C-alpha cells in the first residue's frame, strides 16, 4: 500500500495489513513515527522501503529507516530484503 495509507488512514492501513497476508505497507513520504509504528505493530516483514523518487532526499530517507527500524536486521528486511523475497530473488 503506497504511502502506508497516507497520513489520515495510517491506523486503518496497519490494521488491514495485519489481517491481509499479501498486503505490505510502503514507506515513501511517511513520517518516521508512523514507519516505526508499522514495523512495531506488523513486524519488519510487512514493511517495504520506498522513496517516491525523484521527489525526496535519499540521505533523509536512509537515515529515517535507520532510526525507525529498531535494529539492523529489521532495516535490512525493510530496505530490500522483503522486496527480494517477494520477487523471488533472495
PDB file of N, CA and C in Angstrom:
ATOM      1  N   UNK A   1       0.849  -1.163   0.000  1.00  0.00           N
ATOM      2  CA  UNK A   1       0.000   0.000   0.000  1.00  0.00           C
ATOM      3  C   UNK A   1       0.901   1.235   0.000  1.00  0.00           C
ATOM      4  N   UNK A   2       0.781   2.023  -1.029  1.00  0.00           N
ATOM      5  CA  UNK A   2       1.607   3.217  -1.165  1.00  0.00           C
ATOM      6  C   UNK A   2       1.382   4.180  -0.005  1.00  0.00           C
ATOM      7  N   UNK A   3       2.465   4.783   0.424  1.00  0.00           N
ATOM      8  CA  UNK A   3       2.437   5.788   1.490  1.00  0.00           C
ATOM      9  C   UNK A   3       1.804   5.277   2.780  1.00  0.00           C
ATOM     10  N   UNK A   4       1.802   3.981   2.962  1.00  0.00           N
ATOM     11  CA  UNK A   4       1.228   3.356   4.171  1.00  0.00           C
ATOM     12  C   UNK A   4      -0.174   3.876   4.485  1.00  0.00           C
ATOM     13  N   UNK A   5      -0.950   4.114   3.454  1.00  0.00           N
ATOM     14  CA  UNK A   5      -2.325   4.545   3.656  1.00  0.00           C
ATOM     15  C   UNK A   5      -2.493   6.047   3.806  1.00  0.00           C
ATOM     16  N   UNK A   6      -1.462   6.810   3.577  1.00  0.00           N
ATOM     17  CA  UNK A   6      -1.438   8.268   3.736  1.00  0.00           C
ATOM     18  C   UNK A   6      -1.558   8.668   5.193  1.00  0.00           C
ATOM     19  N   UNK A   7      -1.416   9.937   5.445  1.00  0.00           N
ATOM     20  CA  UNK A   7      -1.380  10.444   6.816  1.00  0.00           C
ATOM     21  C   UNK A   7      -2.689  10.238   7.567  1.00  0.00           C
ATOM     22  N   UNK A   8      -3.794  10.264   6.864  1.00  0.00           N
ATOM     23  CA  UNK A   8      -5.092  10.224   7.536  1.00  0.00           C
ATOM     24  C   UNK A   8      -5.600   8.812   7.769  1.00  0.00           C
ATOM     25  N   UNK A   9      -5.026   7.840   7.104  1.00  0.00           N
ATOM     26  CA  UNK A   9      -5.540   6.473   7.185  1.00  0.00           C
ATOM     27  C   UNK A   9      -4.511   5.463   7.668  1.00  0.00           C
ATOM     28  N   UNK A  10      -3.433   5.934   8.282  1.00  0.00           N
ATOM     29  CA  UNK A  10      -2.357   5.027   8.677  1.00  0.00           C
ATOM     30  C   UNK A  10      -2.824   3.944   9.639  1.00  0.00           C
ATOM     31  N   UNK A  11      -3.592   4.300  10.632  1.00  0.00           N
ATOM     32  CA  UNK A  11      -4.059   3.299  11.591  1.00  0.00           C
ATOM     33  C   UNK A  11      -4.885   2.218  10.910  1.00  0.00           C
ATOM     34  N   UNK A  12      -5.737   2.609   9.991  1.00  0.00           N
ATOM     35  CA  UNK A  12      -6.533   1.633   9.245  1.00  0.00           C
ATOM     36  C   UNK A  12      -5.646   0.766   8.364  1.00  0.00           C
ATOM     37  N   UNK A  13      -4.622   1.363   7.747  1.00  0.00           N
ATOM     38  CA  UNK A  13      -3.711   0.606   6.898  1.00  0.00           C
ATOM     39  C   UNK A  13      -2.982  -0.462   7.700  1.00  0.00           C
ATOM     40  N   UNK A  14      -2.518  -0.113   8.889  1.00  0.00           N
ATOM     41  CA  UNK A  14      -1.835  -1.082   9.749  1.00  0.00           C
ATOM     42  C   UNK A  14      -2.796  -2.214  10.116  1.00  0.00           C
ATOM     43  N   UNK A  15      -4.000  -1.865  10.479  1.00  0.00           N
ATOM     44  CA  UNK A  15      -4.985  -2.877  10.844  1.00  0.00           C
ATOM     45  C   UNK A  15      -5.272  -3.819   9.677  1.00  0.00           C
ATOM     46  N   UNK A  16      -5.514  -3.276   8.504  1.00  0.00           N
ATOM     47  CA  UNK A  16      -5.852  -4.094   7.338  1.00  0.00           C
ATOM     48  C   UNK A  16      -4.649  -4.926   6.891  1.00  0.00           C
ATOM     49  N   UNK A  17      -3.444  -4.342   6.923  1.00  0.00           N
ATOM     50  CA  UNK A  17      -2.251  -5.102   6.555  1.00  0.00           C
ATOM     51  C   UNK A  17      -2.030  -6.263   7.521  1.00  0.00           C
ATOM     52  N   UNK A  18      -2.377  -6.063   8.780  1.00  0.00           N
ATOM     53  CA  UNK A  18      -2.256  -7.139   9.761  1.00  0.00           C
ATOM     54  C   UNK A  18      -3.208  -8.286   9.503  1.00  0.00           C
ATOM     55  N   UNK A  19      -4.318  -7.996   8.851  1.00  0.00           N
ATOM     56  CA  UNK A  19      -5.336  -9.010   8.547  1.00  0.00           C
ATOM     57  C   UNK A  19      -5.177  -9.618   7.152  1.00  0.00           C
ATOM     58  N   UNK A  20      -4.334  -9.024   6.320  1.00  0.00           N
ATOM     59  CA  UNK A  20      -4.235  -9.421   4.916  1.00  0.00           C
ATOM     60  C   UNK A  20      -2.814  -9.893   4.622  1.00  0.00           C
ATOM     61  N   UNK A  21      -2.633 -11.195   4.425  1.00  0.00           N
ATOM     62  CA  UNK A  21      -1.281 -11.741   4.270  1.00  0.00           C
ATOM     63  C   UNK A  21      -0.463 -11.126   3.133  1.00  0.00           C
ATOM     64  N   UNK A  22      -1.097 -10.760   2.045  1.00  0.00           N
ATOM     65  CA  UNK A  22      -0.334 -10.265   0.898  1.00  0.00           C
ATOM     66  C   UNK A  22      -0.383  -8.737   0.746  1.00  0.00           C
ATOM     67  N   UNK A  23      -0.662  -8.026   1.822  1.00  0.00           N
ATOM     68  CA  UNK A  23      -0.656  -6.567   1.799  1.00  0.00           C
ATOM     69  C   UNK A  23       0.516  -6.064   2.633  1.00  0.00           C
ATOM     70  N   UNK A  24       1.345  -5.251   2.018  1.00  0.00           N
ATOM     71  CA  UNK A  24       2.539  -4.694   2.651  1.00  0.00           C
ATOM     72  C   UNK A  24       2.426  -3.178   2.661  1.00  0.00           C
ATOM     73  N   UNK A  25       2.997  -2.543   3.657  1.00  0.00           N
ATOM     74  CA  UNK A  25       2.980  -1.088   3.723  1.00  0.00           C
ATOM     75  C   UNK A  25       4.293  -0.538   3.183  1.00  0.00           C
ATOM     76  N   UNK A  26       4.196   0.479   2.355  1.00  0.00           N
ATOM     77  CA  UNK A  26       5.345   1.118   1.729  1.00  0.00           C
ATOM     78  C   UNK A  26       5.578   2.463   2.409  1.00  0.00           C
ATOM     79  N   UNK A  27       6.846   2.894   2.514  1.00  0.00           N
ATOM     80  CA  UNK A  27       7.213   3.984   3.419  1.00  0.00           C
ATOM     81  C   UNK A  27       7.443   5.356   2.786  1.00  0.00           C
ATOM     82  N   UNK A  28       7.225   5.518   1.487  1.00  0.00           N
ATOM     83  CA  UNK A  28       7.529   6.806   0.843  1.00  0.00           C
ATOM     84  C   UNK A  28       6.729   7.943   1.463  1.00  0.00           C
ATOM     85  N   UNK A  29       7.452   8.962   1.874  1.00  0.00           N
ATOM     86  CA  UNK A  29       6.873  10.175   2.454  1.00  0.00           C
ATOM     87  C   UNK A  29       6.033   9.930   3.702  1.00  0.00           C
ATOM     88  N   UNK A  30       6.309   8.850   4.372  1.00  0.00           N
ATOM     89  CA  UNK A  30       5.605   8.524   5.608  1.00  0.00           C
ATOM     90  C   UNK A  30       6.450   9.034   6.777  1.00  0.00           C
ATOM     91  N   UNK A  31       5.853   9.742   7.722  1.00  0.00           N
ATOM     92  CA  UNK A  31       6.615  10.238   8.870  1.00  0.00           C
ATOM     93  C   UNK A  31       7.269   9.096   9.651  1.00  0.00           C
ATOM     94  N   UNK A  32       8.400   9.410  10.259  1.00  0.00           N
ATOM     95  CA  UNK A  32       9.191   8.396  10.951  1.00  0.00           C
ATOM     96  C   UNK A  32       8.393   7.680  12.043  1.00  0.00           C
ATOM     97  N   UNK A  33       7.553   8.399  12.775  1.00  0.00           N
ATOM     98  CA  UNK A  33       6.814   7.733  13.851  1.00  0.00           C
ATOM     99  C   UNK A  33       5.816   6.734  13.298  1.00  0.00           C
ATOM    100  N   UNK A  34       5.269   6.982  12.115  1.00  0.00           N
ATOM    101  CA  UNK A  34       4.340   6.032  11.511  1.00  0.00           C
ATOM    102  C   UNK A  34       5.084   4.815  10.948  1.00  0.00           C
ATOM    103  N   UNK A  35       6.268   5.033  10.382  1.00  0.00           N
ATOM    104  CA  UNK A  35       7.081   3.906   9.915  1.00  0.00           C
ATOM    105  C   UNK A  35       7.445   3.018  11.101  1.00  0.00           C
ATOM    106  N   UNK A  36       7.910   3.631  12.185  1.00  0.00           N
ATOM    107  CA  UNK A  36       8.281   2.867  13.380  1.00  0.00           C
ATOM    108  C   UNK A  36       7.079   2.098  13.933  1.00  0.00           C
ATOM    109  N   UNK A  37       5.916   2.718  13.932  1.00  0.00           N
ATOM    110  CA  UNK A  37       4.701   2.047  14.415  1.00  0.00           C
ATOM    111  C   UNK A  37       4.345   0.864  13.516  1.00  0.00           C
ATOM    112  N   UNK A  38       4.448   1.043  12.212  1.00  0.00           N
ATOM    113  CA  UNK A  38       4.160  -0.057  11.280  1.00  0.00           C
ATOM    114  C   UNK A  38       5.065  -1.241  11.558  1.00  0.00           C
ATOM    115  N   UNK A  39       6.359  -0.978  11.730  1.00  0.00           N
ATOM    116  CA  UNK A  39       7.322  -2.054  11.997  1.00  0.00           C
ATOM    117  C   UNK A  39       7.033  -2.709  13.335  1.00  0.00           C
ATOM    118  N   UNK A  40       6.711  -1.916  14.333  1.00  0.00           N
ATOM    119  CA  UNK A  40       6.417  -2.459  15.663  1.00  0.00           C
ATOM    120  C   UNK A  40       5.146  -3.310  15.650  1.00  0.00           C
ATOM    121  N   UNK A  41       4.092  -2.802  15.014  1.00  0.00           N
ATOM    122  CA  UNK A  41       2.800  -3.491  15.032  1.00  0.00           C
ATOM    123  C   UNK A  41       2.753  -4.709  14.103  1.00  0.00           C
ATOM    124  N   UNK A  42       3.361  -4.589  12.920  1.00  0.00           N
ATOM    125  CA  UNK A  42       3.257  -5.642  11.909  1.00  0.00           C
ATOM    126  C   UNK A  42       4.485  -6.532  11.834  1.00  0.00           C
ATOM    127  N   UNK A  43       5.605  -6.038  12.334  1.00  0.00           N
ATOM    128  CA  UNK A  43       6.882  -6.707  12.134  1.00  0.00           C
ATOM    129  C   UNK A  43       7.523  -6.173  10.871  1.00  0.00           C
ATOM    130  N   UNK A  44       8.845  -6.188  10.810  1.00  0.00           N
ATOM    131  CA  UNK A  44       9.540  -5.626   9.654  1.00  0.00           C
ATOM    132  C   UNK A  44       9.273  -6.392   8.359  1.00  0.00           C
ATOM    133  N   UNK A  45       8.763  -7.600   8.445  1.00  0.00           N
ATOM    134  CA  UNK A  45       8.483  -8.410   7.262  1.00  0.00           C
ATOM    135  C   UNK A  45       7.334  -7.868   6.424  1.00  0.00           C
ATOM    136  N   UNK A  46       6.528  -6.959   6.983  1.00  0.00           N
ATOM    137  CA  UNK A  46       5.352  -6.428   6.281  1.00  0.00           C
ATOM    138  C   UNK A  46       5.533  -4.987   5.810  1.00  0.00           C
ATOM    139  N   UNK A  47       6.760  -4.467   5.878  1.00  0.00           N
ATOM    140  CA  UNK A  47       7.016  -3.074   5.510  1.00  0.00           C
ATOM    141  C   UNK A  47       8.079  -3.054   4.420  1.00  0.00           C
ATOM    142  N   UNK A  48       7.833  -2.254   3.372  1.00  0.00           N
ATOM    143  CA  UNK A  48       8.737  -2.151   2.232  1.00  0.00           C
ATOM    144  C   UNK A  48       9.149  -0.694   2.062  1.00  0.00           C
ATOM    145  N   UNK A  49      10.461  -0.464   1.981  1.00  0.00           N
ATOM    146  CA  UNK A  49      11.001   0.881   1.839  1.00  0.00           C
ATOM    147  C   UNK A  49      10.656   1.455   0.477  1.00  0.00           C
ATOM    148  N   UNK A  50      10.257   2.722   0.464  1.00  0.00           N
ATOM    149  CA  UNK A  50      10.009   3.442  -0.772  1.00  0.00           C
ATOM    150  C   UNK A  50      10.482   4.873  -0.628  1.00  0.00           C
ATOM    151  N   UNK A  51      10.729   5.537  -1.757  1.00  0.00           N
ATOM    152  CA  UNK A  51      11.280   6.889  -1.708  1.00  0.00           C
ATOM    153  C   UNK A  51      10.402   7.943  -2.373  1.00  0.00           C
ATOM    154  N   UNK A  52       9.504   7.556  -3.264  1.00  0.00           N
ATOM    155  CA  UNK A  52       8.737   8.499  -4.068  1.00  0.00           C
ATOM    156  C   UNK A  52       9.671   9.280  -4.992  1.00  0.00           C
ATOM    157  N   UNK A  53      10.692   8.600  -5.464  1.00  0.00           N
ATOM    158  CA  UNK A  53      11.706   9.213  -6.319  1.00  0.00           C
ATOM    159  C   UNK A  53      11.065   9.838  -7.548  1.00  0.00           C
ATOM    160  N   UNK A  54      11.552  10.944  -7.979  1.00  0.00           N
ATOM    161  CA  UNK A  54      12.742  11.697  -7.610  1.00  0.00           C
ATOM    162  C   UNK A  54      12.445  12.858  -6.670  1.00  0.00           C
ATOM    163  N   UNK A  55      11.385  12.781  -5.938  1.00  0.00           N
ATOM    164  CA  UNK A  55      10.918  13.915  -5.150  1.00  0.00           C
ATOM    165  C   UNK A  55      11.405  13.937  -3.707  1.00  0.00           C
ATOM    166  N   UNK A  56      12.403  13.134  -3.375  1.00  0.00           N
ATOM    167  CA  UNK A  56      12.856  13.059  -1.989  1.00  0.00           C
ATOM    168  C   UNK A  56      14.370  13.183  -1.890  1.00  0.00           C
ATOM    169  N   UNK A  57      14.821  13.376  -0.683  1.00  0.00           N
ATOM    170  CA  UNK A  57      16.235  13.391  -0.354  1.00  0.00           C
ATOM    171  C   UNK A  57      16.590  11.986   0.127  1.00  0.00           C
ATOM    172  N   UNK A  58      17.397  11.269  -0.650  1.00  0.00           N
ATOM    173  CA  UNK A  58      17.722   9.886  -0.306  1.00  0.00           C
ATOM    174  C   UNK A  58      18.443   9.765   1.020  1.00  0.00           C
ATOM    175  N   UNK A  59      19.314  10.708   1.332  1.00  0.00           N
ATOM    176  CA  UNK A  59      20.012  10.664   2.617  1.00  0.00           C
ATOM    177  C   UNK A  59      19.006  10.689   3.756  1.00  0.00           C
ATOM    178  N   UNK A  60      18.026  11.574   3.668  1.00  0.00           N
ATOM    179  CA  UNK A  60      16.990  11.652   4.694  1.00  0.00           C
ATOM    180  C   UNK A  60      16.234  10.333   4.800  1.00  0.00           C
ATOM    181  N   UNK A  61      15.859   9.754   3.660  1.00  0.00           N
ATOM    182  CA  UNK A  61      15.092   8.504   3.671  1.00  0.00           C
ATOM    183  C   UNK A  61      15.907   7.359   4.266  1.00  0.00           C
ATOM    184  N   UNK A  62      17.194   7.260   3.935  1.00  0.00           N
ATOM    185  CA  UNK A  62      18.038   6.219   4.533  1.00  0.00           C
ATOM    186  C   UNK A  62      18.168   6.416   6.036  1.00  0.00           C
ATOM    187  N   UNK A  63      18.392   7.651   6.464  1.00  0.00           N
ATOM    188  CA  UNK A  63      18.505   7.924   7.900  1.00  0.00           C
ATOM    189  C   UNK A  63      17.192   7.659   8.620  1.00  0.00           C
ATOM    190  N   UNK A  64      16.081   7.984   7.979  1.00  0.00           N
ATOM    191  CA  UNK A  64      14.769   7.711   8.570  1.00  0.00           C
ATOM    192  C   UNK A  64      14.613   6.212   8.820  1.00  0.00           C
ATOM    193  N   UNK A  65      15.009   5.390   7.863  1.00  0.00           N
ATOM    194  CA  UNK A  65      14.866   3.948   8.025  1.00  0.00           C
ATOM    195  C   UNK A  65      15.805   3.401   9.083  1.00  0.00           C
ATOM    196  N   UNK A  66      17.020   3.940   9.167  1.00  0.00           N
ATOM    197  CA  UNK A  66      17.941   3.501  10.223  1.00  0.00           C
ATOM    198  C   UNK A  66      17.340   3.754  11.595  1.00  0.00           C
ATOM    199  N   UNK A  67      16.708   4.892  11.764  1.00  0.00           N
ATOM    200  CA  UNK A  67      16.134   5.246  13.067  1.00  0.00           C
ATOM    201  C   UNK A  67      14.817   4.521  13.338  1.00  0.00           C
ATOM    202  N   UNK A  68      13.997   4.334  12.321  1.00  0.00           N
ATOM    203  CA  UNK A  68      12.661   3.759  12.525  1.00  0.00           C
ATOM    204  C   UNK A  68      12.683   2.242  12.677  1.00  0.00           C
ATOM    205  N   UNK A  69      13.639   1.575  12.052  1.00  0.00           N
ATOM    206  CA  UNK A  69      13.621   0.117  12.003  1.00  0.00           C
ATOM    207  C   UNK A  69      13.822  -0.537  13.363  1.00  0.00           C
ATOM    208  N   UNK A  70      14.629   0.053  14.215  1.00  0.00           N
ATOM    209  CA  UNK A  70      14.835  -0.514  15.542  1.00  0.00           C
ATOM    210  C   UNK A  70      16.013  -1.470  15.640  1.00  0.00           C
ATOM    211  N   UNK A  71      16.401  -2.075  14.529  1.00  0.00           N
ATOM    212  CA  UNK A  71      17.568  -2.956  14.518  1.00  0.00           C
ATOM    213  C   UNK A  71      18.100  -3.037  13.095  1.00  0.00           C
ATOM    214  N   UNK A  72      19.336  -3.470  12.967  1.00  0.00           N
ATOM    215  CA  UNK A  72      19.930  -3.620  11.636  1.00  0.00           C
ATOM    216  C   UNK A  72      19.234  -4.722  10.850  1.00  0.00           C
ATOM    217  N   UNK A  73      18.841  -5.807  11.510  1.00  0.00           N
ATOM    218  CA  UNK A  73      18.127  -6.882  10.821  1.00  0.00           C
ATOM    219  C   UNK A  73      16.803  -6.387  10.252  1.00  0.00           C
ATOM    220  N   UNK A  74      16.068  -5.611  11.042  1.00  0.00           N
ATOM    221  CA  UNK A  74      14.790  -5.057  10.570  1.00  0.00           C
ATOM    222  C   UNK A  74      15.029  -4.105   9.410  1.00  0.00           C
ATOM    223  N   UNK A  75      16.050  -3.265   9.511  1.00  0.00           N
ATOM    224  CA  UNK A  75      16.342  -2.318   8.432  1.00  0.00           C
ATOM    225  C   UNK A  75      16.670  -3.058   7.140  1.00  0.00           C
ATOM    226  N   UNK A  76      17.433  -4.144   7.247  1.00  0.00           N
ATOM    227  CA  UNK A  76      17.785  -4.926   6.066  1.00  0.00           C
ATOM    228  C   UNK A  76      16.538  -5.521   5.390  1.00  0.00           C
ATOM    229  N   UNK A  77      15.589  -5.987   6.189  1.00  0.00           N
ATOM    230  CA  UNK A  77      14.351  -6.513   5.618  1.00  0.00           C
ATOM    231  C   UNK A  77      13.572  -5.426   4.901  1.00  0.00           C
ATOM    232  N   UNK A  78      13.362  -4.308   5.583  1.00  0.00           N
ATOM    233  CA  UNK A  78      12.558  -3.224   5.027  1.00  0.00           C
ATOM    234  C   UNK A  78      13.232  -2.614   3.796  1.00  0.00           C
ATOM    235  N   UNK A  79      14.523  -2.443   3.836  1.00  0.00           N
ATOM    236  CA  UNK A  79      15.253  -1.750   2.762  1.00  0.00           C
ATOM    237  C   UNK A  79      15.765  -2.693   1.683  1.00  0.00           C
ATOM    238  N   UNK A  80      15.016  -3.701   1.353  1.00  0.00           N
ATOM    239  CA  UNK A  80      15.383  -4.556   0.229  1.00  0.00           C
ATOM    240  C   UNK A  80      15.125  -6.031   0.428  1.00  0.00           C
ATOM    241  N   UNK A  81      15.297  -6.518   1.646  1.00  0.00           N
ATOM    242  CA  UNK A  81      15.116  -7.944   1.891  1.00  0.00           C
ATOM    243  C   UNK A  81      13.710  -8.433   1.600  1.00  0.00           C
ATOM    244  N   UNK A  82      12.720  -7.667   2.030  1.00  0.00           N
ATOM    245  CA  UNK A  82      11.336  -8.078   1.788  1.00  0.00           C
ATOM    246  C   UNK A  82      11.009  -8.074   0.304  1.00  0.00           C
ATOM    247  N   UNK A  83      11.425  -7.046  -0.394  1.00  0.00           N
ATOM    248  CA  UNK A  83      11.147  -6.959  -1.821  1.00  0.00           C
ATOM    249  C   UNK A  83      11.854  -8.095  -2.572  1.00  0.00           C
ATOM    250  N   UNK A  84      13.085  -8.391  -2.212  1.00  0.00           N
ATOM    251  CA  UNK A  84      13.798  -9.510  -2.835  1.00  0.00           C
ATOM    252  C   UNK A  84      13.042 -10.813  -2.613  1.00  0.00           C
ATOM    253  N   UNK A  85      12.555 -11.016  -1.380  1.00  0.00           N
ATOM    254  CA  UNK A  85      11.790 -12.237  -1.067  1.00  0.00           C
ATOM    255  C   UNK A  85      10.526 -12.307  -1.902  1.00  0.00           C
ATOM    256  N   UNK A  86       9.800 -11.197  -1.995  1.00  0.00           N
ATOM    257  CA  UNK A  86       8.546 -11.175  -2.752  1.00  0.00           C
ATOM    258  C   UNK A  86       8.765 -11.418  -4.238  1.00  0.00           C
ATOM    259  N   UNK A  87       9.902 -10.958  -4.753  1.00  0.00           N
ATOM    260  CA  UNK A  87      10.219 -11.152  -6.175  1.00  0.00           C
ATOM    261  C   UNK A  87      10.953 -12.459  -6.457  1.00  0.00           C
ATOM    262  N   UNK A  88      11.237 -13.212  -5.386  1.00  0.00           N
ATOM    263  CA  UNK A  88      11.917 -14.488  -5.534  1.00  0.00           C
ATOM    264  C   UNK A  88      13.385 -14.356  -5.918  1.00  0.00           C
ATOM    265  N   UNK A  89      14.021 -13.265  -5.492  1.00  0.00           N
ATOM    266  CA  UNK A  89      15.426 -13.082  -5.826  1.00  0.00           C
ATOM    267  C   UNK A  89      16.311 -12.999  -4.584  1.00  0.00           C
ATOM    268  N   UNK A  90      15.831 -13.531  -3.467  1.00  0.00           N
ATOM    269  CA  UNK A  90      16.641 -13.509  -2.258  1.00  0.00           C
ATOM    270  C   UNK A  90      17.615 -14.635  -2.297  1.00  0.00           C
TER     271      UNK A  90
END
